[in-house]
């Protein structure tokens, strides 16, 4: 469904410490999603999609930090897993990544319908592909904007042809809190004729493909 084929403060420090300790408290938050699934956990929407290999999602720190999630994957053709909101507009997405490895990108990620659009604001790794449209400065970073067409690929409406809107930075760091002001990206995309429809899934996620193995533990709010 999510296939992509191109090739602070003391409180924040406490949050990070809890993430590192998350595996110890996993028994208290034992919900596990294997390979594919959507639902809610501690008031947040989650989504896990994978093909090939294996993947699972758990929520080890969510009892204390509701937006916490952990995804592990092995030998996947493609995996996208994260946590956020099922329907959400131009909000500010805050996140803290405890660890991440074996990924292609870690991004704020969403879909809209009418038109059908898949979009990424890339914080780790890269999603640079397609036609370069310009740049946008947001939250102290310069993102390159690309538009890329997917032809007959999985989507939230089944196999379809649709555009991807991509804001690519990739220079974020683990162990501290960061923000993504989505409205800045929405406005920049619109200025290049890249229009969005109605929001239908918005998550902070990790994606990996090409047989990779790895994992992420992060918290979104």
N, C-alpha and C. Protein backbone atom coordinates (compact mmCIF):
# COMPACT_ATOMS: atom_id res chain seq x y z
N UNK A 1 0.82 -1.20 0.00
CA UNK A 1 0.00 0.00 0.00
C UNK A 1 0.85 1.26 0.00
N UNK A 2 2.03 1.16 0.62
CA UNK A 2 2.86 2.34 0.75
C UNK A 2 4.13 2.22 -0.08
N UNK A 3 4.09 1.52 -1.18
CA UNK A 3 5.29 1.18 -1.93
C UNK A 3 5.92 2.41 -2.55
N UNK A 4 7.22 2.56 -2.38
CA UNK A 4 7.96 3.67 -2.95
C UNK A 4 9.10 3.09 -3.76
N UNK A 5 9.07 3.25 -5.03
CA UNK A 5 10.03 2.56 -5.89
C UNK A 5 11.06 3.53 -6.44
N UNK A 6 11.87 4.15 -5.61
CA UNK A 6 13.01 4.90 -6.05
C UNK A 6 14.10 4.68 -4.98
N UNK A 7 14.50 3.59 -6.19
CA UNK A 7 15.48 2.94 -5.43
C UNK A 7 15.91 3.41 -4.21
N UNK A 8 16.77 19.32 24.12
CA UNK A 8 15.93 20.31 24.29
C UNK A 8 15.76 20.50 25.74
N UNK A 9 14.79 20.09 26.13
CA UNK A 9 14.54 20.41 27.53
C UNK A 9 14.77 19.19 28.40
N UNK A 10 14.70 19.34 29.75
CA UNK A 10 14.84 18.21 30.66
C UNK A 10 13.76 17.19 30.39
N UNK A 11 12.53 17.65 30.12
CA UNK A 11 11.44 16.73 29.83
C UNK A 11 11.77 15.88 28.61
N UNK A 12 12.36 16.50 27.58
CA UNK A 12 12.73 15.75 26.38
C UNK A 12 13.78 14.70 26.69
N UNK A 13 14.72 15.02 27.59
CA UNK A 13 15.74 14.05 27.96
C UNK A 13 15.12 12.88 28.71
N UNK A 14 14.11 13.17 29.53
CA UNK A 14 13.41 12.10 30.22
C UNK A 14 12.70 11.20 29.24
N UNK A 15 12.09 11.81 28.20
CA UNK A 15 11.42 11.02 27.17
C UNK A 15 12.41 10.08 26.50
N UNK A 16 13.58 10.58 26.15
CA UNK A 16 14.59 9.74 25.50
C UNK A 16 14.99 8.59 26.40
N UNK A 17 15.19 8.87 27.69
CA UNK A 17 15.57 7.80 28.62
C UNK A 17 14.52 6.72 28.66
N UNK A 18 13.26 7.13 28.60
CA UNK A 18 12.18 6.14 28.62
C UNK A 18 12.18 5.29 27.36
N UNK A 19 12.54 5.90 26.23
CA UNK A 19 12.57 5.15 24.98
C UNK A 19 13.65 4.07 25.04
N UNK A 20 14.81 4.44 25.56
CA UNK A 20 15.90 3.49 25.66
C UNK A 20 15.51 2.32 26.57
N UNK A 21 14.71 2.62 27.59
CA UNK A 21 14.29 1.58 28.53
C UNK A 21 13.04 0.86 28.07
N UNK A 22 12.53 1.23 26.88
CA UNK A 22 11.23 0.74 26.43
C UNK A 22 11.11 -0.76 26.38
N UNK A 23 12.16 -1.45 25.94
CA UNK A 23 12.07 -2.91 25.81
C UNK A 23 11.84 -3.58 27.15
N UNK A 24 12.33 -2.97 28.24
CA UNK A 24 12.17 -3.55 29.57
C UNK A 24 10.70 -3.54 29.98
N UNK A 25 9.96 -2.48 29.56
CA UNK A 25 8.57 -2.34 29.99
C UNK A 25 7.59 -2.87 28.96
N UNK A 26 8.07 -3.59 27.97
CA UNK A 26 7.22 -4.04 26.88
C UNK A 26 6.06 -4.91 27.37
N UNK A 27 6.28 -5.68 28.41
CA UNK A 27 5.22 -6.58 28.89
C UNK A 27 3.97 -5.83 29.29
N UNK A 28 4.14 -4.57 29.70
CA UNK A 28 2.99 -3.77 30.11
C UNK A 28 2.24 -3.20 28.91
N UNK A 29 2.83 -3.26 27.74
CA UNK A 29 2.22 -2.73 26.53
C UNK A 29 2.43 -3.75 25.41
N UNK A 30 1.83 -4.92 25.58
CA UNK A 30 2.23 -6.09 24.81
C UNK A 30 1.53 -6.22 23.45
N UNK A 31 0.75 -5.24 23.04
CA UNK A 31 0.12 -5.29 21.73
C UNK A 31 1.18 -5.41 20.65
N UNK A 32 1.03 -6.39 19.78
CA UNK A 32 1.97 -6.59 18.68
C UNK A 32 1.21 -6.72 17.37
N UNK A 33 1.69 -6.03 16.35
CA UNK A 33 1.11 -6.08 15.01
C UNK A 33 2.14 -6.76 14.11
N UNK A 34 1.71 -7.79 13.39
CA UNK A 34 2.62 -8.53 12.53
C UNK A 34 2.34 -8.23 11.06
N UNK A 35 3.36 -7.78 10.36
CA UNK A 35 3.38 -7.63 8.89
C UNK A 35 2.46 -6.55 8.34
N UNK A 36 1.15 -6.60 8.61
CA UNK A 36 0.22 -5.61 8.07
C UNK A 36 -0.89 -5.36 9.08
N UNK A 37 -1.26 -4.10 9.26
CA UNK A 37 -2.38 -3.79 10.13
C UNK A 37 -2.49 -2.31 10.41
N UNK A 38 -3.69 -1.86 10.72
CA UNK A 38 -3.94 -0.49 11.16
C UNK A 38 -4.84 -0.56 12.39
N UNK A 39 -4.83 0.50 13.19
CA UNK A 39 -5.67 0.52 14.37
C UNK A 39 -5.31 1.69 15.25
N UNK A 40 -5.66 1.60 16.52
CA UNK A 40 -5.34 2.66 17.47
C UNK A 40 -4.63 2.07 18.67
N UNK A 41 -3.77 2.90 19.28
CA UNK A 41 -3.03 2.50 20.46
C UNK A 41 -2.82 3.75 21.31
N UNK A 42 -3.33 3.73 22.52
CA UNK A 42 -3.20 4.86 23.44
C UNK A 42 -3.59 6.19 22.79
N UNK A 43 -4.67 6.14 22.01
CA UNK A 43 -5.22 7.35 21.42
C UNK A 43 -4.60 7.78 20.11
N UNK A 44 -3.59 7.07 19.62
CA UNK A 44 -2.95 7.37 18.35
C UNK A 44 -3.28 6.30 17.32
N UNK A 45 -3.34 6.71 16.08
CA UNK A 45 -3.52 5.79 14.96
C UNK A 45 -2.17 5.18 14.61
N UNK A 46 -2.16 3.90 14.25
CA UNK A 46 -0.92 3.28 13.78
C UNK A 46 -1.18 2.57 12.46
N UNK A 47 -0.12 2.40 11.69
CA UNK A 47 -0.21 1.70 10.40
C UNK A 47 1.09 0.95 10.17
N UNK A 48 0.96 -0.32 9.79
CA UNK A 48 2.11 -1.14 9.41
C UNK A 48 1.77 -1.84 8.11
N UNK A 49 2.62 -1.66 7.12
CA UNK A 49 2.47 -2.32 5.82
C UNK A 49 3.81 -2.95 5.47
N UNK A 50 3.79 -4.21 5.02
CA UNK A 50 5.04 -4.84 4.59
C UNK A 50 4.76 -5.88 3.52
N UNK A 51 5.75 -6.10 2.67
CA UNK A 51 5.73 -7.19 1.70
C UNK A 51 7.09 -7.87 1.76
N UNK A 52 7.08 -9.19 1.67
CA UNK A 52 8.32 -9.96 1.73
C UNK A 52 8.93 -9.90 3.12
N UNK A 53 9.75 -10.86 3.45
CA UNK A 53 10.40 -10.88 4.74
C UNK A 53 9.40 -10.87 5.88
N UNK A 54 9.75 -10.20 6.96
CA UNK A 54 8.85 -10.11 8.11
C UNK A 54 9.01 -8.76 8.78
N UNK A 55 7.94 -8.31 9.45
CA UNK A 55 7.96 -7.04 10.18
C UNK A 55 6.97 -7.12 11.32
N UNK A 56 7.25 -6.39 12.38
CA UNK A 56 6.29 -6.28 13.47
C UNK A 56 6.40 -4.93 14.14
N UNK A 57 5.29 -4.51 14.74
CA UNK A 57 5.23 -3.25 15.47
C UNK A 57 4.76 -3.51 16.89
N UNK A 58 5.44 -2.89 17.86
CA UNK A 58 5.04 -2.94 19.26
C UNK A 58 5.02 -1.51 19.79
N UNK A 59 4.58 -1.36 21.05
CA UNK A 59 4.40 -0.03 21.64
C UNK A 59 4.97 -0.04 23.06
N UNK A 60 6.27 -0.25 23.19
CA UNK A 60 6.86 -0.53 24.51
C UNK A 60 6.76 0.61 25.51
N UNK A 61 6.78 1.85 25.05
CA UNK A 61 6.74 2.99 25.96
C UNK A 61 5.44 3.74 25.97
N UNK A 62 4.42 3.20 25.30
CA UNK A 62 3.19 3.96 25.10
C UNK A 62 2.37 4.15 26.37
N UNK A 63 2.60 3.31 27.37
CA UNK A 63 1.89 3.50 28.62
C UNK A 63 2.25 4.81 29.29
N UNK A 64 3.48 5.27 29.07
CA UNK A 64 3.94 6.54 29.63
C UNK A 64 3.92 7.65 28.59
N UNK A 65 4.33 7.33 27.36
CA UNK A 65 4.38 8.29 26.26
C UNK A 65 3.51 7.74 25.14
N UNK A 66 2.24 8.16 25.05
CA UNK A 66 1.25 7.50 24.18
C UNK A 66 1.66 7.38 22.72
N UNK A 67 2.48 8.29 22.21
CA UNK A 67 2.87 8.25 20.82
C UNK A 67 4.04 7.35 20.51
N UNK A 68 4.51 6.58 21.50
CA UNK A 68 5.68 5.72 21.28
C UNK A 68 5.33 4.48 20.45
N UNK A 69 6.25 4.08 19.59
CA UNK A 69 6.12 2.85 18.82
C UNK A 69 7.50 2.30 18.50
N UNK A 70 7.52 1.02 18.19
CA UNK A 70 8.75 0.35 17.77
C UNK A 70 8.42 -0.58 16.62
N UNK A 71 9.20 -0.50 15.55
CA UNK A 71 9.03 -1.37 14.39
C UNK A 71 10.34 -2.09 14.14
N UNK A 72 10.25 -3.40 13.90
CA UNK A 72 11.41 -4.21 13.53
C UNK A 72 11.11 -4.92 12.23
N UNK A 73 12.11 -5.06 11.35
CA UNK A 73 11.89 -5.73 10.07
C UNK A 73 13.12 -6.53 9.67
N UNK A 74 12.88 -7.55 8.84
CA UNK A 74 13.96 -8.42 8.40
C UNK A 74 13.70 -8.88 6.97
N UNK A 75 14.66 -8.62 6.08
CA UNK A 75 14.60 -9.12 4.70
C UNK A 75 13.38 -8.66 3.92
N UNK A 76 12.93 -7.42 4.13
CA UNK A 76 11.68 -6.97 3.53
C UNK A 76 11.87 -6.48 2.09
N UNK A 77 10.83 -6.73 1.27
CA UNK A 77 10.76 -6.06 -0.02
C UNK A 77 10.42 -4.59 0.18
N UNK A 78 9.47 -4.32 1.09
CA UNK A 78 9.10 -2.96 1.43
C UNK A 78 8.38 -3.00 2.78
N UNK A 79 8.66 -2.03 3.63
CA UNK A 79 7.92 -1.90 4.90
C UNK A 79 7.75 -0.43 5.20
N UNK A 80 6.57 -0.06 5.66
CA UNK A 80 6.27 1.27 6.17
C UNK A 80 5.53 1.09 7.48
N UNK A 81 6.05 1.63 8.56
CA UNK A 81 5.39 1.49 9.85
C UNK A 81 5.56 2.71 10.70
N UNK A 82 4.46 3.17 11.32
CA UNK A 82 4.56 4.34 12.18
C UNK A 82 3.27 4.65 12.89
N UNK A 83 3.24 5.80 13.53
CA UNK A 83 2.14 6.18 14.40
C UNK A 83 1.81 7.65 14.19
N UNK A 84 0.53 8.00 14.32
CA UNK A 84 0.13 9.38 14.15
C UNK A 84 -1.37 9.55 14.27
N UNK A 85 -1.99 10.00 13.17
CA UNK A 85 -3.41 10.34 13.17
C UNK A 85 -4.04 9.84 11.88
N UNK A 86 -5.26 9.32 11.97
CA UNK A 86 -5.90 8.79 10.77
C UNK A 86 -6.34 9.92 9.84
N UNK A 87 -6.88 10.98 10.44
CA UNK A 87 -7.31 12.14 9.65
C UNK A 87 -6.74 13.38 10.31
N UNK A 88 -5.95 14.13 9.59
CA UNK A 88 -5.32 15.31 10.18
C UNK A 88 -4.93 16.28 9.08
N UNK A 89 -5.08 17.56 9.35
CA UNK A 89 -4.69 18.57 8.38
C UNK A 89 -3.27 19.05 8.61
N UNK A 90 -3.07 20.35 8.42
CA UNK A 90 -1.73 20.93 8.43
C UNK A 90 -1.26 21.19 9.86
N UNK A 91 -1.01 20.16 10.60
CA UNK A 91 -0.57 20.27 11.98
C UNK A 91 0.95 20.30 12.07
N UNK A 92 1.46 20.63 13.24
CA UNK A 92 2.88 20.47 13.53
C UNK A 92 3.10 19.09 14.14
N UNK A 93 3.97 18.32 13.54
CA UNK A 93 4.28 16.96 14.01
C UNK A 93 5.59 17.02 14.79
N UNK A 94 5.53 16.68 16.06
CA UNK A 94 6.74 16.61 16.90
C UNK A 94 7.17 15.15 17.03
N UNK A 95 8.48 14.93 17.07
CA UNK A 95 8.97 13.56 17.19
C UNK A 95 10.30 13.51 17.91
N UNK A 96 10.57 12.34 18.47
CA UNK A 96 11.86 12.04 19.08
C UNK A 96 12.20 10.60 18.70
N UNK A 97 13.30 10.40 18.02
CA UNK A 97 13.74 9.06 17.60
C UNK A 97 14.81 8.58 18.57
N UNK A 98 14.52 7.48 19.26
CA UNK A 98 15.50 6.89 20.17
C UNK A 98 16.61 6.19 19.42
N UNK A 99 16.24 5.36 18.44
CA UNK A 99 17.22 4.74 17.55
C UNK A 99 16.54 4.42 16.23
N UNK A 100 17.34 4.30 15.19
CA UNK A 100 16.85 3.89 13.86
C UNK A 100 18.01 3.34 13.08
N UNK A 101 17.81 2.18 12.44
CA UNK A 101 18.85 1.60 11.61
C UNK A 101 18.21 0.75 10.52
N UNK A 102 18.94 0.54 9.46
CA UNK A 102 18.46 -0.31 8.37
C UNK A 102 17.29 0.26 7.59
N UNK A 103 17.14 1.58 7.58
CA UNK A 103 16.02 2.22 6.88
C UNK A 103 16.50 2.87 5.58
N UNK A 104 15.55 3.17 4.69
CA UNK A 104 15.81 4.04 3.55
C UNK A 104 15.45 5.48 3.86
N UNK A 105 14.32 5.66 4.57
CA UNK A 105 13.97 6.99 5.03
C UNK A 105 13.12 6.90 6.29
N UNK A 106 13.18 7.96 7.08
CA UNK A 106 12.28 8.17 8.22
C UNK A 106 11.62 9.51 7.97
N UNK A 107 10.29 9.51 7.89
CA UNK A 107 9.59 10.68 7.37
C UNK A 107 8.25 10.91 8.07
N UNK A 108 7.77 12.14 7.98
CA UNK A 108 6.35 12.42 8.18
C UNK A 108 5.68 12.04 6.87
N UNK A 109 4.65 11.23 6.94
CA UNK A 109 4.13 10.54 5.76
C UNK A 109 2.61 10.57 5.77
N UNK A 110 2.02 10.78 4.61
CA UNK A 110 0.55 10.79 4.58
C UNK A 110 -0.02 10.54 3.20
N UNK A 111 -1.34 10.40 3.21
CA UNK A 111 -2.13 10.24 1.98
C UNK A 111 -3.26 11.27 1.99
N UNK A 112 -3.62 11.72 0.81
CA UNK A 112 -4.88 12.45 0.65
C UNK A 112 -5.68 11.81 -0.47
N UNK A 113 -6.96 12.06 -0.46
CA UNK A 113 -7.85 11.61 -1.54
C UNK A 113 -8.54 12.80 -2.16
N UNK A 114 -8.83 12.69 -3.46
CA UNK A 114 -9.49 13.77 -4.18
C UNK A 114 -8.68 15.04 -4.33
N UNK A 115 -7.41 15.00 -4.87
CA UNK A 115 -6.77 13.89 -5.55
C UNK A 115 -6.05 12.91 -4.60
N UNK A 116 -5.81 11.70 -5.15
CA UNK A 116 -5.03 10.69 -4.45
C UNK A 116 -3.55 11.08 -4.52
N UNK A 117 -2.97 11.35 -3.37
CA UNK A 117 -1.57 11.79 -3.28
C UNK A 117 -0.92 11.09 -2.10
N UNK A 118 0.31 10.63 -2.30
CA UNK A 118 1.15 10.09 -1.24
C UNK A 118 2.26 11.11 -1.00
N UNK A 119 2.47 11.52 0.26
CA UNK A 119 3.49 12.55 0.48
C UNK A 119 4.45 12.18 1.61
N UNK A 120 5.66 12.73 1.49
CA UNK A 120 6.74 12.49 2.45
C UNK A 120 7.40 13.82 2.79
N UNK A 121 7.67 14.03 4.07
CA UNK A 121 8.61 15.05 4.52
C UNK A 121 9.74 14.29 5.20
N UNK A 122 10.85 14.17 4.51
CA UNK A 122 11.92 13.25 4.91
C UNK A 122 12.85 13.90 5.93
N UNK A 123 12.98 13.25 7.10
CA UNK A 123 13.83 13.72 8.19
C UNK A 123 15.15 12.95 8.30
N UNK A 124 15.15 11.68 7.96
CA UNK A 124 16.37 10.84 7.92
C UNK A 124 16.40 10.14 6.57
N UNK A 125 17.60 9.94 6.00
CA UNK A 125 17.70 9.25 4.73
C UNK A 125 17.34 10.17 3.57
N UNK A 126 16.72 9.59 2.54
CA UNK A 126 16.40 10.38 1.36
C UNK A 126 15.19 9.81 0.63
N UNK A 127 14.38 10.72 0.07
CA UNK A 127 13.29 10.34 -0.82
C UNK A 127 13.41 11.07 -2.15
N UNK A 128 14.58 11.60 -2.45
CA UNK A 128 14.77 12.41 -3.65
C UNK A 128 14.56 11.58 -4.91
N UNK A 129 13.53 11.92 -5.69
CA UNK A 129 13.24 11.21 -6.93
C UNK A 129 12.23 12.01 -7.73
N UNK A 130 12.27 11.84 -9.03
CA UNK A 130 11.28 12.51 -9.86
C UNK A 130 11.74 13.88 -10.32
N UNK A 131 10.80 14.78 -10.48
CA UNK A 131 11.07 16.12 -11.01
C UNK A 131 11.33 17.10 -9.88
N UNK A 132 12.48 17.75 -9.93
CA UNK A 132 12.80 18.76 -8.92
C UNK A 132 11.95 20.00 -9.16
N UNK A 133 11.28 20.48 -8.09
CA UNK A 133 10.35 21.61 -8.24
C UNK A 133 10.84 22.88 -7.56
N UNK A 134 11.79 22.78 -6.66
CA UNK A 134 12.24 23.95 -5.92
C UNK A 134 12.61 23.56 -4.51
N UNK A 135 12.51 24.51 -3.58
CA UNK A 135 12.87 24.23 -2.19
C UNK A 135 11.95 25.00 -1.25
N UNK A 136 11.97 24.57 0.01
CA UNK A 136 11.21 25.25 1.05
C UNK A 136 12.04 25.22 2.33
N UNK A 137 12.08 26.35 3.02
CA UNK A 137 12.75 26.42 4.32
C UNK A 137 11.70 26.31 5.41
N UNK A 138 11.89 25.36 6.31
CA UNK A 138 10.92 25.13 7.38
C UNK A 138 11.63 24.57 8.60
N UNK A 139 11.28 25.06 9.77
CA UNK A 139 11.83 24.55 11.03
C UNK A 139 13.35 24.57 11.05
N UNK A 140 13.93 25.59 10.38
CA UNK A 140 15.37 25.77 10.38
C UNK A 140 16.14 24.95 9.37
N UNK A 141 15.43 24.27 8.45
CA UNK A 141 16.09 23.40 7.48
C UNK A 141 15.61 23.75 6.07
N UNK A 142 16.45 23.47 5.09
CA UNK A 142 16.07 23.64 3.69
C UNK A 142 15.76 22.28 3.08
N UNK A 143 14.54 22.13 2.60
CA UNK A 143 14.08 20.89 1.98
C UNK A 143 14.00 21.08 0.46
N UNK A 144 14.47 20.09 -0.29
CA UNK A 144 14.28 20.07 -1.74
C UNK A 144 12.95 19.40 -2.05
N UNK A 145 12.21 19.97 -3.00
CA UNK A 145 10.87 19.48 -3.34
C UNK A 145 10.92 18.73 -4.66
N UNK A 146 10.32 17.54 -4.66
CA UNK A 146 10.23 16.72 -5.86
C UNK A 146 8.79 16.25 -6.05
N UNK A 147 8.45 16.00 -7.31
CA UNK A 147 7.17 15.36 -7.62
C UNK A 147 7.46 14.11 -8.45
N UNK A 148 6.84 13.01 -8.08
CA UNK A 148 7.13 11.72 -8.71
C UNK A 148 5.84 10.97 -8.94
N UNK A 149 5.66 10.42 -10.13
CA UNK A 149 4.43 9.69 -10.43
C UNK A 149 4.64 8.19 -10.21
N UNK A 150 3.67 7.57 -9.54
CA UNK A 150 3.61 6.14 -9.36
C UNK A 150 2.53 5.58 -10.29
N UNK A 151 2.89 4.60 -11.10
CA UNK A 151 1.97 4.04 -12.09
C UNK A 151 1.59 2.62 -11.68
N UNK A 152 0.30 2.42 -11.51
CA UNK A 152 -0.23 1.09 -11.15
C UNK A 152 0.50 0.49 -9.96
N UNK A 153 0.50 1.25 -8.87
CA UNK A 153 1.15 0.82 -7.64
C UNK A 153 0.13 0.75 -6.51
N UNK A 154 0.45 0.01 -5.44
CA UNK A 154 -0.47 -0.07 -4.30
C UNK A 154 -0.73 1.30 -3.68
N UNK A 155 -1.96 1.52 -3.25
CA UNK A 155 -2.33 2.77 -2.59
C UNK A 155 -3.44 2.50 -1.60
N UNK A 156 -3.90 3.52 -0.90
CA UNK A 156 -5.01 3.35 0.03
C UNK A 156 -6.33 3.12 -0.70
N UNK A 157 -6.33 3.27 -2.03
CA UNK A 157 -7.52 2.99 -2.84
C UNK A 157 -7.28 1.82 -3.78
N UNK A 158 -6.38 0.92 -3.41
CA UNK A 158 -6.05 -0.20 -4.26
C UNK A 158 -4.99 0.17 -5.27
N UNK A 159 -4.76 -0.67 -6.26
CA UNK A 159 -3.77 -0.38 -7.29
C UNK A 159 -4.20 0.84 -8.08
N UNK A 160 -3.32 1.83 -8.21
CA UNK A 160 -3.71 3.10 -8.82
C UNK A 160 -2.48 3.81 -9.35
N UNK A 161 -2.72 4.83 -10.16
CA UNK A 161 -1.69 5.76 -10.61
C UNK A 161 -1.90 7.07 -9.85
N UNK A 162 -0.85 7.58 -9.22
CA UNK A 162 -0.97 8.76 -8.37
C UNK A 162 0.38 9.46 -8.28
N UNK A 163 0.36 10.68 -7.78
CA UNK A 163 1.59 11.45 -7.60
C UNK A 163 2.07 11.37 -6.17
N UNK A 164 3.39 11.41 -6.02
CA UNK A 164 4.03 11.57 -4.72
C UNK A 164 4.58 13.00 -4.63
N UNK A 165 4.34 13.66 -3.51
CA UNK A 165 4.93 14.95 -3.20
C UNK A 165 6.00 14.72 -2.14
N UNK A 166 7.22 15.17 -2.42
CA UNK A 166 8.37 14.80 -1.61
C UNK A 166 9.15 16.04 -1.18
N UNK A 167 9.23 16.28 0.12
CA UNK A 167 10.12 17.29 0.68
C UNK A 167 11.30 16.56 1.30
N UNK A 168 12.49 16.77 0.76
CA UNK A 168 13.65 15.97 1.13
C UNK A 168 14.69 16.81 1.88
N UNK A 169 14.98 16.41 3.13
CA UNK A 169 16.06 17.01 3.91
C UNK A 169 16.99 15.90 4.39
N UNK A 170 16.58 15.14 5.38
CA UNK A 170 17.32 13.96 5.78
C UNK A 170 18.40 14.17 6.80
N UNK A 171 18.55 15.38 7.36
CA UNK A 171 19.66 15.64 8.26
C UNK A 171 19.33 15.63 9.73
N UNK A 172 18.27 14.97 10.14
CA UNK A 172 17.85 14.98 11.54
C UNK A 172 18.76 14.10 12.39
N UNK A 173 18.49 14.09 13.70
CA UNK A 173 19.34 13.36 14.64
C UNK A 173 18.49 12.59 15.64
N UNK A 174 19.06 11.51 16.16
CA UNK A 174 18.39 10.76 17.21
C UNK A 174 18.67 11.40 18.57
N UNK A 175 17.81 11.08 19.53
CA UNK A 175 18.07 11.48 20.90
C UNK A 175 17.64 12.88 21.28
N UNK A 176 16.95 13.60 20.39
CA UNK A 176 16.45 14.93 20.72
C UNK A 176 15.13 15.14 20.00
N UNK A 177 14.39 16.14 20.44
CA UNK A 177 13.05 16.38 19.88
C UNK A 177 13.12 17.36 18.72
N UNK A 178 12.28 17.11 17.73
CA UNK A 178 12.25 17.92 16.51
C UNK A 178 10.79 18.17 16.12
N UNK A 179 10.59 19.17 15.26
CA UNK A 179 9.24 19.52 14.81
C UNK A 179 9.21 19.63 13.30
N UNK A 180 8.06 19.26 12.72
CA UNK A 180 7.80 19.43 11.29
C UNK A 180 6.51 20.23 11.16
N UNK A 181 6.61 21.45 10.66
CA UNK A 181 5.44 22.30 10.47
C UNK A 181 4.87 21.99 9.09
N UNK A 182 3.87 21.11 9.06
CA UNK A 182 3.37 20.61 7.78
C UNK A 182 2.79 21.70 6.91
N UNK A 183 2.17 22.73 7.52
CA UNK A 183 1.57 23.79 6.73
C UNK A 183 2.56 24.46 5.79
N UNK A 184 3.84 24.56 6.21
CA UNK A 184 4.86 25.15 5.34
C UNK A 184 5.07 24.32 4.09
N UNK A 185 5.04 23.01 4.24
CA UNK A 185 5.22 22.12 3.09
C UNK A 185 3.98 22.12 2.20
N UNK A 186 2.80 22.07 2.82
CA UNK A 186 1.57 22.12 2.03
C UNK A 186 1.54 23.37 1.16
N UNK A 187 1.88 24.52 1.75
CA UNK A 187 1.85 25.78 1.00
C UNK A 187 2.90 25.80 -0.11
N UNK A 188 4.09 25.25 0.19
CA UNK A 188 5.14 25.21 -0.84
C UNK A 188 4.73 24.31 -1.99
N UNK A 189 4.17 23.14 -1.67
CA UNK A 189 3.71 22.25 -2.74
C UNK A 189 2.65 22.93 -3.60
N UNK A 190 1.70 23.59 -2.95
CA UNK A 190 0.61 24.26 -3.67
C UNK A 190 1.16 25.33 -4.60
N UNK A 191 2.22 26.03 -4.17
CA UNK A 191 2.80 27.09 -5.00
C UNK A 191 3.40 26.53 -6.28
N UNK A 192 3.70 25.24 -6.30
CA UNK A 192 4.23 24.57 -7.50
C UNK A 192 3.15 23.77 -8.22
N UNK A 193 1.87 24.04 -7.91
CA UNK A 193 0.78 23.33 -8.57
C UNK A 193 0.56 21.93 -8.07
N UNK A 194 1.14 21.60 -6.91
CA UNK A 194 1.03 20.26 -6.33
C UNK A 194 -0.05 20.31 -5.25
N UNK A 195 -1.28 20.07 -5.66
CA UNK A 195 -2.42 20.26 -4.77
C UNK A 195 -2.77 18.97 -4.02
N UNK A 196 -3.18 19.15 -2.78
CA UNK A 196 -3.60 18.05 -1.92
C UNK A 196 -5.11 17.95 -1.85
N UNK A 197 -5.61 16.78 -1.46
CA UNK A 197 -7.03 16.59 -1.25
C UNK A 197 -7.34 16.50 0.23
N UNK A 198 -8.27 15.63 0.58
CA UNK A 198 -8.68 15.43 1.97
C UNK A 198 -7.73 14.44 2.65
N UNK A 199 -7.30 14.79 3.86
CA UNK A 199 -6.33 13.97 4.58
C UNK A 199 -6.89 12.59 4.91
N UNK A 200 -6.08 11.56 4.68
CA UNK A 200 -6.47 10.19 4.99
C UNK A 200 -5.22 9.41 5.36
N UNK A 201 -4.77 9.60 6.58
CA UNK A 201 -3.59 8.98 7.19
C UNK A 201 -2.43 9.96 7.23
N UNK A 202 -1.92 10.16 8.43
CA UNK A 202 -0.74 10.98 8.68
C UNK A 202 0.03 10.32 9.81
N UNK A 203 1.23 9.84 9.51
CA UNK A 203 2.03 9.14 10.52
C UNK A 203 3.49 9.59 10.44
N UNK A 204 4.19 9.43 11.55
CA UNK A 204 5.65 9.52 11.55
C UNK A 204 6.15 8.10 11.44
N UNK A 205 6.96 7.80 10.45
CA UNK A 205 7.24 6.40 10.12
C UNK A 205 8.66 6.18 9.64
N UNK A 206 9.02 4.90 9.59
CA UNK A 206 10.24 4.45 8.92
C UNK A 206 9.85 3.59 7.74
N UNK A 207 10.63 3.70 6.66
CA UNK A 207 10.42 2.85 5.47
C UNK A 207 11.74 2.21 5.08
N UNK A 208 11.66 0.94 4.68
CA UNK A 208 12.83 0.22 4.19
C UNK A 208 12.40 -0.69 3.06
N UNK A 209 13.29 -0.91 2.11
CA UNK A 209 13.00 -1.83 1.02
C UNK A 209 14.31 -2.48 0.54
N UNK A 210 14.19 -3.38 -0.42
CA UNK A 210 15.37 -3.98 -1.02
C UNK A 210 16.05 -5.03 -0.16
N UNK A 211 15.27 -5.76 0.68
CA UNK A 211 15.84 -6.82 1.48
C UNK A 211 16.50 -6.38 2.77
N UNK A 212 16.30 -5.15 3.17
CA UNK A 212 16.95 -4.64 4.37
C UNK A 212 16.37 -5.23 5.65
N UNK A 213 17.17 -5.16 6.71
CA UNK A 213 16.74 -5.51 8.06
C UNK A 213 17.13 -4.38 8.99
N UNK A 214 16.27 -4.11 9.99
CA UNK A 214 16.57 -3.02 10.91
C UNK A 214 15.41 -2.73 11.83
N UNK A 215 15.38 -1.51 12.37
CA UNK A 215 14.30 -1.17 13.28
C UNK A 215 14.35 0.28 13.69
N UNK A 216 13.27 0.72 14.36
CA UNK A 216 13.16 2.09 14.87
C UNK A 216 12.37 2.07 16.17
N UNK A 217 12.74 2.93 17.09
CA UNK A 217 11.93 3.23 18.26
C UNK A 217 11.79 4.75 18.29
N UNK A 218 10.56 5.25 18.28
CA UNK A 218 10.34 6.69 18.21
C UNK A 218 9.04 7.05 18.91
N UNK A 219 8.90 8.32 19.22
CA UNK A 219 7.68 8.85 19.82
C UNK A 219 7.23 10.06 19.01
N UNK A 220 5.93 10.12 18.74
CA UNK A 220 5.35 11.23 18.00
C UNK A 220 4.30 11.90 18.87
N UNK A 221 4.12 13.20 18.71
CA UNK A 221 3.06 13.91 19.41
C UNK A 221 2.72 15.20 18.67
